[in-house]
Amino acid sequence: MHANARSLARLAAVMAGDGTAHGVTLLRPDTVQLSHIVSEADVKFDSVLKAKTKFNKGGWNVFDRHDFCHYRHGMVGWFGIGGSVLMWQR
């Protein structure tokens, strides 16, 4: 993905707001809910991070207490090159 911080913040706001942000609905709430489902098949070992990751159906990692980033428990998102981070609370 190639984006700027403002557009990524808007994306995170839409996802955290069940499809609506700033009075505009871009996704149906049920679509957002479906995109956050994680199945056992989605839990994989990342050989670079040397840890398990839990990517949901929407393509974002779901962090919990047992992750390599346990301090991000309850957050959804991922890291980018150079230290960028896109996350929201579910």
Protein backbone atom coordinates (compact mmCIF):
# COMPACT_ATOMS: atom_id res chain seq x y z
CA MET A 1 0.00 0.00 0.00
CA HIS A 2 1.18 3.50 -0.75
CA ALA A 3 -0.62 6.18 1.27
CA ASN A 4 -0.11 9.17 3.51
CA ALA A 5 -0.80 9.40 7.25
CA ARG A 6 -4.07 11.31 6.82
CA SER A 7 -5.61 8.73 4.49
CA LEU A 8 -4.48 5.84 6.71
CA ALA A 9 -6.05 7.57 9.73
CA ARG A 10 -9.31 7.84 7.78
CA LEU A 11 -9.15 4.14 6.90
CA ALA A 12 -8.58 3.23 10.55
CA ALA A 13 -11.49 5.48 11.58
CA VAL A 14 -13.80 3.71 9.13
CA MET A 15 -12.75 0.28 10.39
CA ALA A 16 -13.04 1.29 14.07
CA GLY A 17 -16.41 2.94 13.37
CA ASP A 18 -18.00 -0.19 11.86
CA GLY A 19 -17.83 1.27 8.37
CA THR A 20 -18.70 4.91 9.13
CA ALA A 21 -16.40 7.84 9.88
CA HIS A 22 -16.94 11.60 9.86
CA GLY A 23 -20.61 11.08 8.98
CA VAL A 24 -19.86 9.07 5.82
CA THR A 25 -20.61 5.35 5.50
CA LEU A 26 -18.16 3.49 3.26
CA LEU A 27 -18.74 -0.09 4.41
CA ARG A 28 -21.72 -1.93 5.84
CA PRO A 29 -21.25 -2.89 9.51
CA ASP A 30 -21.66 -6.59 8.69
CA THR A 31 -18.85 -6.31 6.11
CA VAL A 32 -16.56 -4.79 8.73
CA GLN A 33 -17.52 -7.54 11.20
CA LEU A 34 -16.80 -10.26 8.62
CA SER A 35 -13.44 -8.71 7.79
CA HIS A 36 -12.31 -9.09 11.42
CA ILE A 37 -12.93 -12.85 11.67
CA VAL A 38 -9.85 -14.94 12.42
CA SER A 39 -9.93 -18.70 11.89
CA GLU A 40 -7.36 -21.24 13.03
CA ALA A 41 -6.18 -21.42 9.40
CA ASP A 42 -5.29 -17.71 9.58
CA VAL A 43 -2.83 -18.21 12.46
CA LYS A 44 0.65 -18.63 10.93
CA PHE A 45 4.24 -18.51 12.10
CA ASP A 46 6.14 -15.53 10.67
CA SER A 47 9.76 -16.55 10.10
CA VAL A 48 10.96 -12.93 10.03
CA LEU A 49 9.26 -11.94 13.29
CA LYS A 50 9.84 -15.41 14.78
CA ALA A 51 6.31 -15.29 16.18
CA LYS A 52 2.76 -16.31 15.36
CA THR A 53 0.56 -13.84 13.51
CA LYS A 54 -3.24 -13.84 13.30
CA PHE A 55 -4.32 -12.20 10.06
CA ASN A 56 -8.06 -11.75 9.76
CA LYS A 57 -10.20 -12.06 6.64
CA GLY A 58 -9.65 -8.35 5.91
CA GLY A 59 -5.87 -8.83 5.80
CA TRP A 60 -5.02 -7.18 9.14
CA ASN A 61 -3.32 -8.75 12.13
CA VAL A 62 -5.37 -9.16 15.30
CA PHE A 63 -3.19 -8.69 18.38
CA ASP A 64 -3.81 -10.45 21.69
CA ARG A 65 -2.07 -10.95 25.02
CA HIS A 66 0.09 -13.79 23.72
CA ASP A 67 1.53 -12.06 20.67
CA PHE A 68 5.01 -10.74 20.09
CA CYS A 69 3.35 -7.33 20.66
CA HIS A 70 1.30 -8.27 23.73
CA TYR A 71 1.10 -4.59 24.73
CA ARG A 72 -1.12 -4.02 21.66
CA HIS A 73 -3.79 -6.43 22.96
CA GLY A 74 -7.17 -5.69 21.37
CA MET A 75 -5.70 -3.75 18.46
CA VAL A 76 -6.05 -4.58 14.77
CA GLY A 77 -3.63 -3.46 12.04
CA TRP A 78 -0.01 -3.89 11.02
CA PHE A 79 3.40 -2.27 10.76
CA GLY A 80 5.03 -0.77 7.69
CA ILE A 81 8.57 -0.23 6.50
CA GLY A 82 10.37 2.57 8.31
CA GLY A 83 8.32 2.39 11.49
CA SER A 84 4.86 3.31 10.20
CA VAL A 85 1.94 1.74 12.06
CA LEU A 86 -1.77 1.51 11.19
CA MET A 87 -3.95 0.21 14.03
CA TRP A 88 -7.38 0.63 15.52
CA GLN A 89 -9.21 -0.71 18.55
CA ARG A 90 -11.99 -3.26 18.07
